[in-house]
């Protein structure tokens, strides 16, 4: 097992925290538009118009990026969306 020097590890951590992380929401045939819109509003604290636009993007393309930011916030957004069993993925 090889370990990195402390300076190398610190620099790698900085790069990971500086890159935006994305929450991807996938389309499904289970949830209604209203359910998805309501959950997007709850997760993103956005307007209903923005949530509806995202829901249509997910519907038309099969998936869409619904949030981009720090990893911790992406995990929070994803967790709220998954409360009603929406399928999400976090991309780094």
N, C-alpha and C. Protein backbone atom coordinates (compact mmCIF):
# COMPACT_ATOMS: atom_id res chain seq x y z
N UNK A 1 0.84 -1.17 0.00
CA UNK A 1 0.00 0.00 0.00
C UNK A 1 0.89 1.24 0.00
N UNK A 2 0.61 2.18 -0.90
CA UNK A 2 1.40 3.39 -1.02
C UNK A 2 0.61 4.55 -0.44
N UNK A 3 1.28 5.39 0.32
CA UNK A 3 0.61 6.58 0.85
C UNK A 3 1.19 7.81 0.18
N UNK A 4 0.36 8.81 0.03
CA UNK A 4 0.79 10.07 -0.57
C UNK A 4 1.41 10.95 0.49
N UNK A 5 2.36 11.78 0.10
CA UNK A 5 2.89 12.77 1.06
C UNK A 5 1.75 13.67 1.53
N UNK A 6 1.88 14.21 2.70
CA UNK A 6 0.84 15.05 3.29
C UNK A 6 0.48 16.21 2.37
N UNK A 7 1.50 16.84 1.77
CA UNK A 7 1.23 17.98 0.89
C UNK A 7 0.40 17.54 -0.31
N UNK A 8 0.69 16.40 -0.87
CA UNK A 8 -0.04 15.89 -2.03
C UNK A 8 -1.50 15.62 -1.65
N UNK A 9 -1.71 14.97 -0.53
CA UNK A 9 -3.07 14.65 -0.09
C UNK A 9 -3.86 15.93 0.15
N UNK A 10 -3.25 16.92 0.76
CA UNK A 10 -3.94 18.19 1.03
C UNK A 10 -4.35 18.86 -0.27
N UNK A 11 -3.48 18.85 -1.26
CA UNK A 11 -3.80 19.46 -2.55
C UNK A 11 -4.92 18.70 -3.25
N UNK A 12 -4.92 17.38 -3.17
CA UNK A 12 -5.98 16.59 -3.78
C UNK A 12 -7.33 16.91 -3.15
N UNK A 13 -7.36 17.06 -1.82
CA UNK A 13 -8.61 17.39 -1.13
C UNK A 13 -9.13 18.74 -1.58
N UNK A 14 -8.22 19.71 -1.76
CA UNK A 14 -8.63 21.04 -2.20
C UNK A 14 -9.26 20.98 -3.59
N UNK A 15 -8.69 20.20 -4.48
CA UNK A 15 -9.23 20.08 -5.84
C UNK A 15 -10.63 19.49 -5.80
N UNK A 16 -10.83 18.45 -4.99
CA UNK A 16 -12.14 17.81 -4.90
C UNK A 16 -13.20 18.75 -4.36
N UNK A 17 -12.86 19.60 -3.40
CA UNK A 17 -13.86 20.49 -2.83
C UNK A 17 -14.12 21.69 -3.72
N UNK A 18 -13.21 22.01 -4.62
CA UNK A 18 -13.40 23.17 -5.49
C UNK A 18 -14.22 22.82 -6.73
N UNK A 19 -14.20 21.55 -7.16
CA UNK A 19 -14.95 21.17 -8.35
C UNK A 19 -16.43 21.08 -8.00
N UNK A 20 -17.29 21.60 -8.86
CA UNK A 20 -18.72 21.48 -8.54
C UNK A 20 -19.18 20.03 -8.69
N UNK A 21 -20.01 19.62 -7.76
CA UNK A 21 -20.63 18.31 -7.78
C UNK A 21 -22.05 18.50 -8.27
N UNK A 22 -22.61 17.48 -8.96
CA UNK A 22 -23.93 17.62 -9.57
C UNK A 22 -24.89 16.56 -9.06
N UNK A 23 -26.15 16.95 -8.92
CA UNK A 23 -27.22 16.01 -8.61
C UNK A 23 -27.99 15.78 -9.90
N UNK A 24 -28.04 14.52 -10.31
CA UNK A 24 -28.79 14.12 -11.50
C UNK A 24 -30.08 13.46 -11.04
N UNK A 25 -31.20 13.88 -11.60
CA UNK A 25 -32.50 13.28 -11.31
C UNK A 25 -32.95 12.50 -12.54
N UNK A 26 -33.38 11.27 -12.33
CA UNK A 26 -33.81 10.40 -13.42
C UNK A 26 -35.32 10.36 -13.53
N UNK A 27 -35.80 10.22 -14.75
CA UNK A 27 -37.23 10.09 -15.02
C UNK A 27 -37.71 8.72 -14.57
N UNK A 28 -38.97 8.64 -14.18
CA UNK A 28 -39.59 7.34 -13.90
C UNK A 28 -41.06 7.39 -14.29
N UNK A 29 -41.68 6.24 -14.27
CA UNK A 29 -43.10 6.15 -14.62
C UNK A 29 -43.98 6.01 -13.38
N UNK A 30 -43.41 6.31 -12.22
CA UNK A 30 -44.12 6.10 -10.96
C UNK A 30 -44.68 7.41 -10.41
N UNK A 31 -43.88 8.46 -10.43
CA UNK A 31 -44.25 9.72 -9.80
C UNK A 31 -44.96 10.66 -10.78
N UNK A 32 -45.91 11.43 -10.25
CA UNK A 32 -46.60 12.42 -11.07
C UNK A 32 -45.73 13.68 -11.16
N UNK A 33 -46.06 14.53 -12.12
CA UNK A 33 -45.35 15.81 -12.24
C UNK A 33 -45.49 16.61 -10.95
N UNK A 34 -46.69 16.62 -10.38
CA UNK A 34 -46.91 17.38 -9.15
C UNK A 34 -46.03 16.88 -8.01
N UNK A 35 -45.88 15.56 -7.88
CA UNK A 35 -45.02 15.00 -6.83
C UNK A 35 -43.56 15.44 -7.03
N UNK A 36 -43.10 15.35 -8.28
CA UNK A 36 -41.71 15.71 -8.57
C UNK A 36 -41.49 17.20 -8.35
N UNK A 37 -42.41 18.02 -8.81
CA UNK A 37 -42.31 19.47 -8.65
C UNK A 37 -42.29 19.84 -7.16
N UNK A 38 -43.18 19.26 -6.39
CA UNK A 38 -43.24 19.53 -4.96
C UNK A 38 -41.93 19.16 -4.28
N UNK A 39 -41.37 18.00 -4.64
CA UNK A 39 -40.12 17.56 -4.02
C UNK A 39 -38.94 18.41 -4.45
N UNK A 40 -38.93 18.85 -5.70
CA UNK A 40 -37.86 19.74 -6.18
C UNK A 40 -37.91 21.07 -5.42
N UNK A 41 -39.11 21.59 -5.21
CA UNK A 41 -39.25 22.84 -4.46
C UNK A 41 -38.71 22.66 -3.05
N UNK A 42 -39.04 21.53 -2.43
CA UNK A 42 -38.58 21.24 -1.07
C UNK A 42 -37.06 21.09 -1.02
N UNK A 43 -36.49 20.37 -2.00
CA UNK A 43 -35.05 20.09 -2.00
C UNK A 43 -34.21 21.31 -2.36
N UNK A 44 -34.69 22.07 -3.34
CA UNK A 44 -33.90 23.18 -3.88
C UNK A 44 -34.31 24.54 -3.31
N UNK A 45 -35.46 24.58 -2.66
CA UNK A 45 -36.01 25.86 -2.17
C UNK A 45 -36.11 26.86 -3.33
N UNK A 46 -36.69 26.35 -4.43
CA UNK A 46 -36.82 27.15 -5.65
C UNK A 46 -38.29 27.46 -5.92
N UNK A 47 -38.54 28.24 -6.94
CA UNK A 47 -39.91 28.57 -7.32
C UNK A 47 -40.57 27.38 -8.01
N UNK A 48 -41.88 27.41 -8.04
CA UNK A 48 -42.60 26.33 -8.73
C UNK A 48 -42.32 26.36 -10.23
N UNK A 49 -42.09 27.54 -10.78
CA UNK A 49 -41.77 27.65 -12.21
C UNK A 49 -40.44 26.96 -12.52
N UNK A 50 -39.44 27.19 -11.67
CA UNK A 50 -38.13 26.56 -11.88
C UNK A 50 -38.23 25.04 -11.71
N UNK A 51 -38.96 24.61 -10.68
CA UNK A 51 -39.14 23.17 -10.44
C UNK A 51 -39.87 22.51 -11.60
N UNK A 52 -40.88 23.19 -12.14
CA UNK A 52 -41.62 22.64 -13.28
C UNK A 52 -40.72 22.53 -14.50
N UNK A 53 -39.90 23.53 -14.73
CA UNK A 53 -38.96 23.51 -15.85
C UNK A 53 -37.99 22.33 -15.72
N UNK A 54 -37.48 22.11 -14.52
CA UNK A 54 -36.58 20.98 -14.28
C UNK A 54 -37.30 19.66 -14.50
N UNK A 55 -38.54 19.56 -14.02
CA UNK A 55 -39.32 18.33 -14.18
C UNK A 55 -39.54 18.01 -15.65
N UNK A 56 -39.83 19.03 -16.46
CA UNK A 56 -40.00 18.80 -17.90
C UNK A 56 -38.68 18.37 -18.55
N UNK A 57 -37.59 18.96 -18.10
CA UNK A 57 -36.27 18.59 -18.62
C UNK A 57 -35.98 17.11 -18.33
N UNK A 58 -36.26 16.69 -17.11
CA UNK A 58 -36.08 15.28 -16.71
C UNK A 58 -36.99 14.40 -17.57
N UNK A 59 -38.24 14.79 -17.72
CA UNK A 59 -39.20 14.00 -18.49
C UNK A 59 -38.78 13.86 -19.96
N UNK A 60 -38.38 14.95 -20.56
CA UNK A 60 -38.04 14.94 -21.99
C UNK A 60 -36.71 14.27 -22.30
N UNK A 61 -35.76 14.32 -21.38
CA UNK A 61 -34.42 13.79 -21.65
C UNK A 61 -34.08 12.51 -20.88
N UNK A 62 -34.98 12.07 -20.02
CA UNK A 62 -34.73 10.86 -19.25
C UNK A 62 -33.96 11.12 -17.97
N UNK A 63 -33.26 12.24 -17.92
CA UNK A 63 -32.52 12.66 -16.73
C UNK A 63 -32.11 14.11 -16.93
N UNK A 64 -31.76 14.76 -15.82
CA UNK A 64 -31.29 16.14 -15.91
C UNK A 64 -30.54 16.49 -14.64
N UNK A 65 -29.59 17.41 -14.78
CA UNK A 65 -28.90 17.96 -13.63
C UNK A 65 -29.85 18.96 -12.97
N UNK A 66 -30.16 18.72 -11.70
CA UNK A 66 -31.09 19.60 -11.01
C UNK A 66 -30.40 20.50 -10.00
N UNK A 67 -29.13 20.17 -9.66
CA UNK A 67 -28.38 21.00 -8.72
C UNK A 67 -26.90 20.80 -8.95
N UNK A 68 -26.13 21.87 -8.75
CA UNK A 68 -24.68 21.82 -8.84
C UNK A 68 -24.12 22.66 -7.72
N UNK A 69 -23.16 22.09 -6.98
CA UNK A 69 -22.57 22.82 -5.87
C UNK A 69 -21.65 21.94 -5.06
N UNK A 70 -21.46 22.29 -3.80
CA UNK A 70 -20.58 21.53 -2.92
C UNK A 70 -21.17 20.14 -2.65
N UNK A 71 -20.30 19.17 -2.44
CA UNK A 71 -20.71 17.79 -2.24
C UNK A 71 -21.71 17.64 -1.09
N UNK A 72 -21.45 18.31 0.02
CA UNK A 72 -22.35 18.19 1.18
C UNK A 72 -23.76 18.65 0.83
N UNK A 73 -23.86 19.77 0.12
CA UNK A 73 -25.18 20.28 -0.27
C UNK A 73 -25.83 19.34 -1.29
N UNK A 74 -25.05 18.79 -2.20
CA UNK A 74 -25.59 17.83 -3.17
C UNK A 74 -26.16 16.61 -2.46
N UNK A 75 -25.48 16.16 -1.43
CA UNK A 75 -25.98 15.02 -0.67
C UNK A 75 -27.30 15.36 0.03
N UNK A 76 -27.42 16.58 0.52
CA UNK A 76 -28.66 17.01 1.16
C UNK A 76 -29.80 17.08 0.15
N UNK A 77 -29.54 17.67 -1.01
CA UNK A 77 -30.56 17.78 -2.06
C UNK A 77 -31.00 16.39 -2.51
N UNK A 78 -30.04 15.52 -2.74
CA UNK A 78 -30.34 14.15 -3.17
C UNK A 78 -31.18 13.42 -2.13
N UNK A 79 -30.84 13.58 -0.86
CA UNK A 79 -31.58 12.91 0.21
C UNK A 79 -33.04 13.35 0.24
N UNK A 80 -33.29 14.64 0.05
CA UNK A 80 -34.67 15.14 0.04
C UNK A 80 -35.42 14.57 -1.15
N UNK A 81 -34.81 14.55 -2.31
CA UNK A 81 -35.47 13.98 -3.50
C UNK A 81 -35.78 12.50 -3.30
N UNK A 82 -34.87 11.80 -2.64
CA UNK A 82 -35.05 10.36 -2.44
C UNK A 82 -36.05 10.03 -1.33
N UNK A 83 -36.51 11.04 -0.58
CA UNK A 83 -37.53 10.80 0.45
C UNK A 83 -38.77 10.14 -0.14
N UNK A 84 -39.10 10.48 -1.39
CA UNK A 84 -40.27 9.88 -2.02
C UNK A 84 -39.84 8.85 -3.08
N UNK A 85 -38.62 8.39 -2.94
CA UNK A 85 -38.05 7.35 -3.80
C UNK A 85 -37.81 7.79 -5.25
N UNK A 86 -37.50 9.08 -5.43
CA UNK A 86 -37.02 9.51 -6.73
C UNK A 86 -35.60 8.98 -6.89
N UNK A 87 -35.22 8.68 -8.13
CA UNK A 87 -33.90 8.12 -8.39
C UNK A 87 -32.94 9.26 -8.72
N UNK A 88 -31.87 9.36 -7.92
CA UNK A 88 -30.86 10.39 -8.14
C UNK A 88 -29.47 9.77 -8.22
N UNK A 89 -28.56 10.59 -8.69
CA UNK A 89 -27.14 10.20 -8.74
C UNK A 89 -26.33 11.46 -8.50
N UNK A 90 -25.25 11.33 -7.74
CA UNK A 90 -24.35 12.44 -7.50
C UNK A 90 -23.11 12.21 -8.34
N UNK A 91 -22.76 13.19 -9.16
CA UNK A 91 -21.56 13.11 -10.00
C UNK A 91 -20.54 14.12 -9.52
N UNK A 92 -19.29 13.66 -9.41
CA UNK A 92 -18.20 14.53 -8.98
C UNK A 92 -17.40 14.94 -10.21
